[in-house]
């Protein structure tokens, strides 16, 4: 039975708080997403993942892992050109990212 990754609060772009999977420890700097460990900044506000995707704040990147599995990683719009830097980083314990890309067709929602 597959284990689920817990969802914890993350700060997206410095102003929005969203609950995301706890995988952004090693790739968070490249993605522009940081895990909240302390109190959130005073000017930050909560948002849903769907809202942030719809208004273009974040985008879905597809990553292919060393074991052949495909996963989705979220990146801020400002950090999208850095998607290639995700390759060779660790996705989770023991899983290395082989390729990272955006799909050609952008789907909002």
N, C-alpha and C. Protein backbone atom coordinates (compact mmCIF):
# COMPACT_ATOMS: atom_id res chain seq x y z
N UNK A 1 0.84 -1.17 0.00
CA UNK A 1 0.00 0.00 0.00
C UNK A 1 0.89 1.24 0.00
N UNK A 2 0.66 2.17 -0.92
CA UNK A 2 1.52 3.35 -0.99
C UNK A 2 1.30 4.27 0.21
N UNK A 3 2.39 4.86 0.64
CA UNK A 3 2.29 5.81 1.74
C UNK A 3 2.06 7.20 1.17
N UNK A 4 1.26 7.99 1.85
CA UNK A 4 0.99 9.35 1.39
C UNK A 4 1.97 10.31 2.05
N UNK A 5 2.32 11.32 1.30
CA UNK A 5 3.21 12.35 1.81
C UNK A 5 2.36 13.39 2.52
N UNK A 6 2.71 13.72 3.77
CA UNK A 6 1.87 14.69 4.50
C UNK A 6 1.92 16.08 3.87
N UNK A 7 0.81 16.79 3.96
CA UNK A 7 0.72 18.16 3.46
C UNK A 7 0.93 19.13 4.62
N UNK A 8 1.86 20.05 4.43
CA UNK A 8 2.19 21.03 5.46
C UNK A 8 2.16 22.42 4.83
N UNK A 9 2.02 23.47 5.63
CA UNK A 9 2.00 24.83 5.07
C UNK A 9 3.33 25.23 4.45
N UNK A 10 3.26 25.82 3.26
CA UNK A 10 4.43 26.33 2.56
C UNK A 10 4.16 27.78 2.16
N UNK A 11 5.22 28.55 2.04
CA UNK A 11 5.14 29.94 1.62
C UNK A 11 5.53 30.01 0.15
N UNK A 12 4.61 30.46 -0.68
CA UNK A 12 4.81 30.52 -2.13
C UNK A 12 5.04 31.97 -2.53
N UNK A 13 6.21 32.24 -3.10
CA UNK A 13 6.50 33.58 -3.58
C UNK A 13 6.63 34.63 -2.50
N UNK A 14 6.67 34.27 -1.26
CA UNK A 14 6.84 35.21 -0.17
C UNK A 14 5.57 35.82 0.38
N UNK A 15 4.40 35.59 -0.27
CA UNK A 15 3.19 36.24 0.22
C UNK A 15 2.00 35.29 0.40
N UNK A 16 2.01 34.15 -0.21
CA UNK A 16 0.87 33.23 -0.16
C UNK A 16 1.22 31.97 0.63
N UNK A 17 0.28 31.51 1.45
CA UNK A 17 0.47 30.29 2.22
C UNK A 17 -0.45 29.21 1.65
N UNK A 18 0.13 28.07 1.31
CA UNK A 18 -0.59 26.96 0.70
C UNK A 18 -0.12 25.67 1.35
N UNK A 19 -1.04 24.72 1.50
CA UNK A 19 -0.66 23.40 2.02
C UNK A 19 -0.22 22.53 0.85
N UNK A 20 1.06 22.15 0.86
CA UNK A 20 1.64 21.31 -0.19
C UNK A 20 2.31 20.10 0.44
N UNK A 21 2.62 19.12 -0.41
CA UNK A 21 3.32 17.94 0.07
C UNK A 21 4.70 18.34 0.58
N UNK A 22 5.19 17.60 1.55
CA UNK A 22 6.45 17.93 2.21
C UNK A 22 7.64 17.37 1.41
N UNK A 23 7.83 17.87 0.18
CA UNK A 23 8.93 17.41 -0.67
C UNK A 23 9.87 18.55 -1.04
N UNK A 24 9.62 19.74 -0.56
CA UNK A 24 10.35 20.92 -1.01
C UNK A 24 11.56 21.26 -0.14
N UNK A 25 12.08 20.30 0.60
CA UNK A 25 13.27 20.56 1.41
C UNK A 25 14.49 20.80 0.53
N UNK A 26 14.72 19.93 -0.43
CA UNK A 26 15.91 20.05 -1.28
C UNK A 26 15.66 20.84 -2.55
N UNK A 27 14.42 20.88 -3.04
CA UNK A 27 14.14 21.56 -4.30
C UNK A 27 13.41 22.88 -4.11
N UNK A 28 13.16 23.27 -2.88
CA UNK A 28 12.38 24.48 -2.60
C UNK A 28 13.02 25.76 -3.07
N UNK A 29 14.35 25.87 -3.00
CA UNK A 29 15.02 27.09 -3.44
C UNK A 29 14.85 27.30 -4.94
N UNK A 30 14.92 26.24 -5.70
CA UNK A 30 14.77 26.34 -7.14
C UNK A 30 13.31 26.63 -7.51
N UNK A 31 12.39 26.03 -6.77
CA UNK A 31 10.97 26.20 -7.07
C UNK A 31 10.38 27.50 -6.55
N UNK A 32 11.04 28.17 -5.62
CA UNK A 32 10.52 29.40 -5.04
C UNK A 32 9.50 29.14 -3.95
N UNK A 33 9.55 27.94 -3.35
CA UNK A 33 8.60 27.54 -2.32
C UNK A 33 9.39 27.13 -1.09
N UNK A 34 9.02 27.69 0.08
CA UNK A 34 9.72 27.35 1.31
C UNK A 34 8.72 26.83 2.34
N UNK A 35 9.16 25.88 3.12
CA UNK A 35 8.33 25.29 4.16
C UNK A 35 8.27 26.25 5.35
N UNK A 36 7.07 26.45 5.88
CA UNK A 36 6.90 27.32 7.05
C UNK A 36 7.25 26.54 8.31
N UNK A 37 8.26 26.99 9.01
CA UNK A 37 8.61 26.37 10.27
C UNK A 37 8.32 27.30 11.44
N UNK A 38 8.31 28.59 11.17
CA UNK A 38 8.01 29.60 12.19
C UNK A 38 6.65 30.22 11.88
N UNK A 39 6.37 31.31 12.54
CA UNK A 39 5.13 32.04 12.25
C UNK A 39 5.23 32.66 10.85
N UNK A 40 4.13 32.70 10.12
CA UNK A 40 4.17 33.29 8.77
C UNK A 40 4.41 34.80 8.82
N UNK A 41 4.92 35.38 7.75
CA UNK A 41 5.10 36.84 7.71
C UNK A 41 3.77 37.56 7.87
N UNK A 42 3.81 38.77 8.36
CA UNK A 42 2.60 39.52 8.68
C UNK A 42 1.76 39.81 7.45
N UNK A 43 2.37 40.06 6.30
CA UNK A 43 1.62 40.42 5.10
C UNK A 43 1.14 39.23 4.29
N UNK A 44 1.43 38.02 4.73
CA UNK A 44 1.04 36.83 3.96
C UNK A 44 -0.42 36.46 4.22
N UNK A 45 -1.00 35.80 3.23
CA UNK A 45 -2.40 35.36 3.33
C UNK A 45 -2.51 33.96 2.77
N UNK A 46 -3.53 33.24 3.20
CA UNK A 46 -3.73 31.88 2.72
C UNK A 46 -4.43 31.90 1.37
N UNK A 47 -4.16 30.88 0.58
CA UNK A 47 -4.79 30.75 -0.73
C UNK A 47 -4.90 29.27 -1.05
N UNK A 48 -5.78 28.95 -1.97
CA UNK A 48 -5.90 27.56 -2.40
C UNK A 48 -4.96 27.33 -3.58
N UNK A 49 -4.62 26.10 -3.79
CA UNK A 49 -3.75 25.73 -4.88
C UNK A 49 -4.38 26.08 -6.23
N UNK A 50 -5.67 25.83 -6.35
CA UNK A 50 -6.38 26.13 -7.59
C UNK A 50 -6.35 27.62 -7.91
N UNK A 51 -6.51 28.48 -6.89
CA UNK A 51 -6.47 29.92 -7.11
C UNK A 51 -5.11 30.36 -7.65
N UNK A 52 -4.05 29.82 -7.08
CA UNK A 52 -2.71 30.21 -7.49
C UNK A 52 -2.37 29.74 -8.89
N UNK A 53 -2.89 28.59 -9.28
CA UNK A 53 -2.66 28.09 -10.64
C UNK A 53 -3.46 28.92 -11.64
N UNK A 54 -4.70 29.23 -11.29
CA UNK A 54 -5.57 29.98 -12.20
C UNK A 54 -5.05 31.39 -12.46
N UNK A 55 -4.58 32.07 -11.42
CA UNK A 55 -4.10 33.44 -11.66
C UNK A 55 -2.64 33.50 -12.10
N UNK A 56 -1.99 32.36 -12.29
CA UNK A 56 -0.65 32.31 -12.85
C UNK A 56 0.48 32.52 -11.88
N UNK A 57 0.22 32.45 -10.60
CA UNK A 57 1.29 32.61 -9.61
C UNK A 57 2.22 31.40 -9.61
N UNK A 58 1.65 30.19 -9.73
CA UNK A 58 2.47 28.98 -9.79
C UNK A 58 2.08 28.16 -11.01
N UNK A 59 3.00 27.28 -11.43
CA UNK A 59 2.76 26.37 -12.54
C UNK A 59 3.16 24.96 -12.14
N UNK A 60 2.56 23.99 -12.82
CA UNK A 60 2.88 22.59 -12.58
C UNK A 60 4.03 22.17 -13.49
N UNK A 61 5.08 21.63 -12.88
CA UNK A 61 6.18 21.04 -13.65
C UNK A 61 6.10 19.53 -13.47
N UNK A 62 6.44 18.80 -14.51
CA UNK A 62 6.44 17.35 -14.45
C UNK A 62 7.87 16.88 -14.27
N UNK A 63 8.09 15.98 -13.32
CA UNK A 63 9.42 15.41 -13.10
C UNK A 63 9.34 13.90 -13.23
N UNK A 64 10.36 13.33 -13.85
CA UNK A 64 10.46 11.88 -13.98
C UNK A 64 11.58 11.43 -13.05
N UNK A 65 11.26 10.45 -12.21
CA UNK A 65 12.21 10.00 -11.20
C UNK A 65 13.05 8.85 -11.73
N UNK A 66 14.10 8.50 -10.99
CA UNK A 66 15.02 7.45 -11.39
C UNK A 66 14.34 6.09 -11.48
N UNK A 67 13.29 5.86 -10.70
CA UNK A 67 12.60 4.58 -10.73
C UNK A 67 11.51 4.52 -11.80
N UNK A 68 11.41 5.56 -12.65
CA UNK A 68 10.46 5.58 -13.75
C UNK A 68 9.12 6.23 -13.43
N UNK A 69 8.89 6.60 -12.20
CA UNK A 69 7.62 7.23 -11.83
C UNK A 69 7.62 8.70 -12.24
N UNK A 70 6.43 9.22 -12.50
CA UNK A 70 6.27 10.61 -12.89
C UNK A 70 5.48 11.33 -11.80
N UNK A 71 5.96 12.48 -11.38
CA UNK A 71 5.33 13.26 -10.32
C UNK A 71 5.17 14.70 -10.77
N UNK A 72 4.33 15.45 -10.05
CA UNK A 72 4.11 16.86 -10.31
C UNK A 72 4.75 17.68 -9.20
N UNK A 73 5.46 18.73 -9.62
CA UNK A 73 6.10 19.66 -8.70
C UNK A 73 5.58 21.04 -9.07
N UNK A 74 5.32 21.88 -8.08
CA UNK A 74 4.83 23.23 -8.32
C UNK A 74 6.00 24.21 -8.24
N UNK A 75 6.00 25.20 -9.16
CA UNK A 75 7.04 26.22 -9.19
C UNK A 75 6.38 27.59 -9.34
N UNK A 76 6.99 28.60 -8.76
CA UNK A 76 6.47 29.95 -8.95
C UNK A 76 6.76 30.38 -10.39
N UNK A 77 5.97 31.30 -10.89
CA UNK A 77 6.12 31.74 -12.28
C UNK A 77 7.49 32.39 -12.51
N UNK A 78 8.02 33.08 -11.52
CA UNK A 78 9.32 33.72 -11.67
C UNK A 78 10.45 32.71 -11.77
N UNK A 79 10.28 31.53 -11.19
CA UNK A 79 11.33 30.52 -11.17
C UNK A 79 11.17 29.48 -12.27
N UNK A 80 10.22 29.64 -13.16
CA UNK A 80 10.00 28.66 -14.23
C UNK A 80 11.22 28.44 -15.13
N UNK A 81 12.02 29.46 -15.45
CA UNK A 81 13.20 29.19 -16.28
C UNK A 81 14.23 28.27 -15.62
N UNK A 82 14.13 28.06 -14.32
CA UNK A 82 15.09 27.21 -13.60
C UNK A 82 14.67 25.74 -13.55
N UNK A 83 13.68 25.33 -14.34
CA UNK A 83 13.16 23.97 -14.25
C UNK A 83 14.24 22.93 -14.55
N UNK A 84 15.18 23.24 -15.40
CA UNK A 84 16.25 22.30 -15.72
C UNK A 84 17.19 22.04 -14.56
N UNK A 85 17.25 22.96 -13.61
CA UNK A 85 18.12 22.79 -12.45
C UNK A 85 17.61 21.74 -11.48
N UNK A 86 16.37 21.28 -11.65
CA UNK A 86 15.83 20.24 -10.78
C UNK A 86 16.46 18.88 -11.05
N UNK A 87 17.00 18.68 -12.25
CA UNK A 87 17.59 17.40 -12.60
C UNK A 87 18.78 17.11 -11.70
N UNK A 88 18.92 15.87 -11.32
CA UNK A 88 19.95 15.31 -10.43
C UNK A 88 19.73 15.67 -8.96
N UNK A 89 18.67 16.39 -8.62
CA UNK A 89 18.37 16.63 -7.22
C UNK A 89 17.53 15.50 -6.66
N UNK A 90 17.40 15.46 -5.35
CA UNK A 90 16.65 14.41 -4.69
C UNK A 90 15.22 14.86 -4.45
N UNK A 91 14.25 14.07 -4.94
CA UNK A 91 12.83 14.38 -4.79
C UNK A 91 12.35 14.02 -3.40
N UNK A 92 12.63 12.83 -2.99
CA UNK A 92 12.33 12.32 -1.66
C UNK A 92 13.53 11.51 -1.26
N UNK A 93 13.50 10.86 -0.14
CA UNK A 93 14.66 10.09 0.28
C UNK A 93 14.93 8.96 -0.70
N UNK A 94 16.05 9.03 -1.37
CA UNK A 94 16.46 7.98 -2.28
C UNK A 94 15.92 8.07 -3.69
N UNK A 95 15.12 9.06 -4.03
CA UNK A 95 14.57 9.19 -5.38
C UNK A 95 15.19 10.42 -6.06
N UNK A 96 15.92 10.17 -7.13
CA UNK A 96 16.59 11.24 -7.86
C UNK A 96 15.76 11.65 -9.07
N UNK A 97 15.72 12.94 -9.34
CA UNK A 97 15.00 13.46 -10.50
C UNK A 97 15.89 13.30 -11.73
N UNK A 98 15.38 12.61 -12.75
CA UNK A 98 16.12 12.42 -14.00
C UNK A 98 15.81 13.53 -15.00
N UNK A 99 14.53 13.85 -15.19
CA UNK A 99 14.15 14.93 -16.11
C UNK A 99 13.07 15.78 -15.47
N UNK A 100 13.05 17.04 -15.84
CA UNK A 100 12.03 17.98 -15.35
C UNK A 100 11.65 18.89 -16.51
N UNK A 101 10.34 19.07 -16.70
CA UNK A 101 9.88 19.86 -17.84
C UNK A 101 8.47 20.36 -17.59
N UNK A 102 8.04 21.32 -18.42
CA UNK A 102 6.65 21.77 -18.46
C UNK A 102 6.01 21.14 -19.67
N UNK A 103 4.78 20.74 -19.54
CA UNK A 103 4.09 20.19 -20.71
C UNK A 103 3.88 21.31 -21.72
N UNK A 104 3.79 20.95 -23.00
CA UNK A 104 3.62 21.97 -24.02
C UNK A 104 2.30 22.69 -23.88
N UNK A 105 1.28 21.96 -23.53
CA UNK A 105 -0.04 22.54 -23.42
C UNK A 105 -0.26 22.98 -21.97
N UNK A 106 -0.54 24.23 -21.77
CA UNK A 106 -0.77 24.76 -20.43
C UNK A 106 -2.25 24.66 -20.13
N UNK A 107 -2.59 23.97 -19.03
CA UNK A 107 -3.98 23.81 -18.63
C UNK A 107 -4.17 24.52 -17.30
N UNK A 108 -5.08 25.45 -17.27
CA UNK A 108 -5.36 26.18 -16.03
C UNK A 108 -6.56 25.53 -15.35
N UNK A 109 -6.45 25.41 -14.03
CA UNK A 109 -7.60 24.92 -13.29
C UNK A 109 -7.40 23.66 -12.62
